[in-house]
Amino acid sequence: MLIYHITSRQEWTAQKPQKIYVSTGYAQDKFIHCSTAAQVWPVANNFYFGVRDLVVLQIDTDRLEVQPVFENLEGGSELFPHLYSPIPIAAVRKAVEFYIGPEQR
């Protein structure tokens, strides 16, 4: 299965040599926020509209040591994949530059 994580190009590039990726919110949240393919655009629209220099990481869950937990911690019915461990760089199939602005709405 493939899941996706949106991050800054700078954060991704800085962590690649370390062989693991940990999002900036991990220390506080204790997990990495991810999305299914169908959730990427709505999440980007809600949280990253107009933000430049983003990448979407395509993560192969077969390459993860800890599988995602599908849950909604805000009480909604839509379930989102959360990773309760860092992401091994080897699990990232690709990182695609990403921007959502007025022309994508």
Protein backbone atom coordinates (compact mmCIF):
# COMPACT_ATOMS: atom_id res chain seq x y z
CA MET A 1 0.00 0.00 0.00
CA LEU A 2 1.13 3.56 -0.67
CA ILE A 3 0.57 6.47 1.70
CA TYR A 4 1.72 10.07 1.39
CA HIS A 5 3.27 12.75 3.58
CA ILE A 6 3.60 16.44 2.72
CA THR A 7 6.70 18.22 3.96
CA SER A 8 9.05 21.03 3.03
CA ARG A 9 11.74 20.35 0.48
CA GLN A 10 14.30 21.66 2.99
CA GLU A 11 13.19 19.26 5.74
CA TRP A 12 13.23 16.29 3.34
CA THR A 13 16.62 17.17 1.83
CA ALA A 14 18.24 17.69 5.24
CA GLN A 15 17.11 14.31 6.56
CA LYS A 16 17.81 12.07 3.56
CA PRO A 17 21.49 11.49 4.50
CA GLN A 18 20.41 10.33 7.98
CA LYS A 19 18.56 7.34 6.45
CA ILE A 20 15.36 8.19 8.37
CA TYR A 21 12.81 10.96 8.14
CA VAL A 22 11.06 12.48 11.15
CA SER A 23 8.57 15.33 10.71
CA THR A 24 8.92 18.51 12.75
CA GLY A 25 5.64 17.75 14.55
CA TYR A 26 6.72 14.26 15.61
CA ALA A 27 8.13 15.30 18.99
CA GLN A 28 4.84 16.91 19.96
CA ASP A 29 2.32 14.64 18.20
CA LYS A 30 4.25 11.36 18.65
CA PHE A 31 3.33 10.34 15.11
CA ILE A 32 3.80 11.45 11.49
CA HIS A 33 0.67 12.68 9.71
CA CYS A 34 0.07 10.93 6.39
CA SER A 35 -2.69 10.68 3.80
CA THR A 36 -4.09 8.22 1.34
CA ALA A 37 -3.90 9.19 -2.33
CA ALA A 38 -7.47 10.50 -2.18
CA GLN A 39 -6.68 12.65 0.87
CA VAL A 40 -3.56 14.43 -0.45
CA TRP A 41 -5.34 17.27 -2.30
CA PRO A 42 -7.89 18.02 0.44
CA VAL A 43 -5.16 18.00 3.12
CA ALA A 44 -2.92 20.20 0.97
CA ASN A 45 -5.79 22.57 0.32
CA ASN A 46 -6.59 22.88 4.04
CA PHE A 47 -3.07 23.10 5.48
CA TYR A 48 -0.62 24.01 2.71
CA PHE A 49 -2.51 26.31 0.34
CA GLY A 50 -0.07 28.81 -1.14
CA VAL A 51 2.99 27.29 0.57
CA ARG A 52 5.90 26.86 -1.79
CA ASP A 53 8.85 24.44 -1.77
CA LEU A 54 6.85 21.42 -0.66
CA VAL A 55 7.33 17.78 -1.56
CA VAL A 56 4.96 14.85 -1.26
CA LEU A 57 6.65 11.68 -0.09
CA GLN A 58 5.23 8.48 -1.56
CA ILE A 59 5.73 5.86 1.16
CA ASP A 60 5.57 2.13 0.53
CA THR A 61 4.09 0.61 3.69
CA ASP A 62 5.58 -2.80 2.79
CA ARG A 63 8.97 -1.25 3.52
CA LEU A 64 8.02 0.06 6.98
CA GLU A 65 8.90 -1.72 10.19
CA VAL A 66 5.83 -0.23 11.92
CA GLN A 67 2.59 -0.15 9.94
CA PRO A 68 0.37 2.95 9.86
CA VAL A 69 -2.60 3.25 12.17
CA PHE A 70 -5.74 4.53 10.44
CA GLU A 71 -7.56 6.82 12.82
CA ASN A 72 -9.20 10.19 13.28
CA LEU A 73 -8.08 11.87 16.48
CA GLU A 74 -10.35 14.86 15.98
CA GLY A 75 -13.60 12.94 16.15
CA GLY A 76 -14.43 12.85 12.45
CA SER A 77 -15.36 9.78 10.47
CA GLU A 78 -12.56 9.98 7.87
CA LEU A 79 -9.56 7.88 8.86
CA PHE A 80 -6.00 9.08 8.19
CA PRO A 81 -2.82 6.98 8.25
CA HIS A 82 -0.53 7.92 11.13
CA LEU A 83 2.99 6.57 11.51
CA TYR A 84 4.11 6.06 15.09
CA SER A 85 7.77 5.75 14.15
CA PRO A 86 10.27 7.51 11.90
CA ILE A 87 10.15 6.71 8.19
CA PRO A 88 13.13 4.81 6.78
CA ILE A 89 14.34 6.62 3.67
CA ALA A 90 14.28 3.24 1.90
CA ALA A 91 10.47 3.21 2.31
CA VAL A 92 10.10 6.43 0.32
CA ARG A 93 9.57 5.50 -3.32
CA LYS A 94 9.75 9.08 -4.52
CA ALA A 95 9.50 12.69 -3.43
CA VAL A 96 7.52 14.89 -5.80
CA GLU A 97 7.69 18.68 -5.75
CA PHE A 98 4.28 20.01 -4.85
CA TYR A 99 2.44 23.33 -4.77
CA ILE A 100 -1.24 24.09 -4.44
CA GLY A 101 -2.24 27.63 -5.24
CA PRO A 102 -5.22 29.50 -6.69
CA GLU A 103 -4.74 27.94 -10.13
CA GLN A 104 -5.25 24.43 -8.68
CA ARG A 105 -8.53 25.22 -6.91
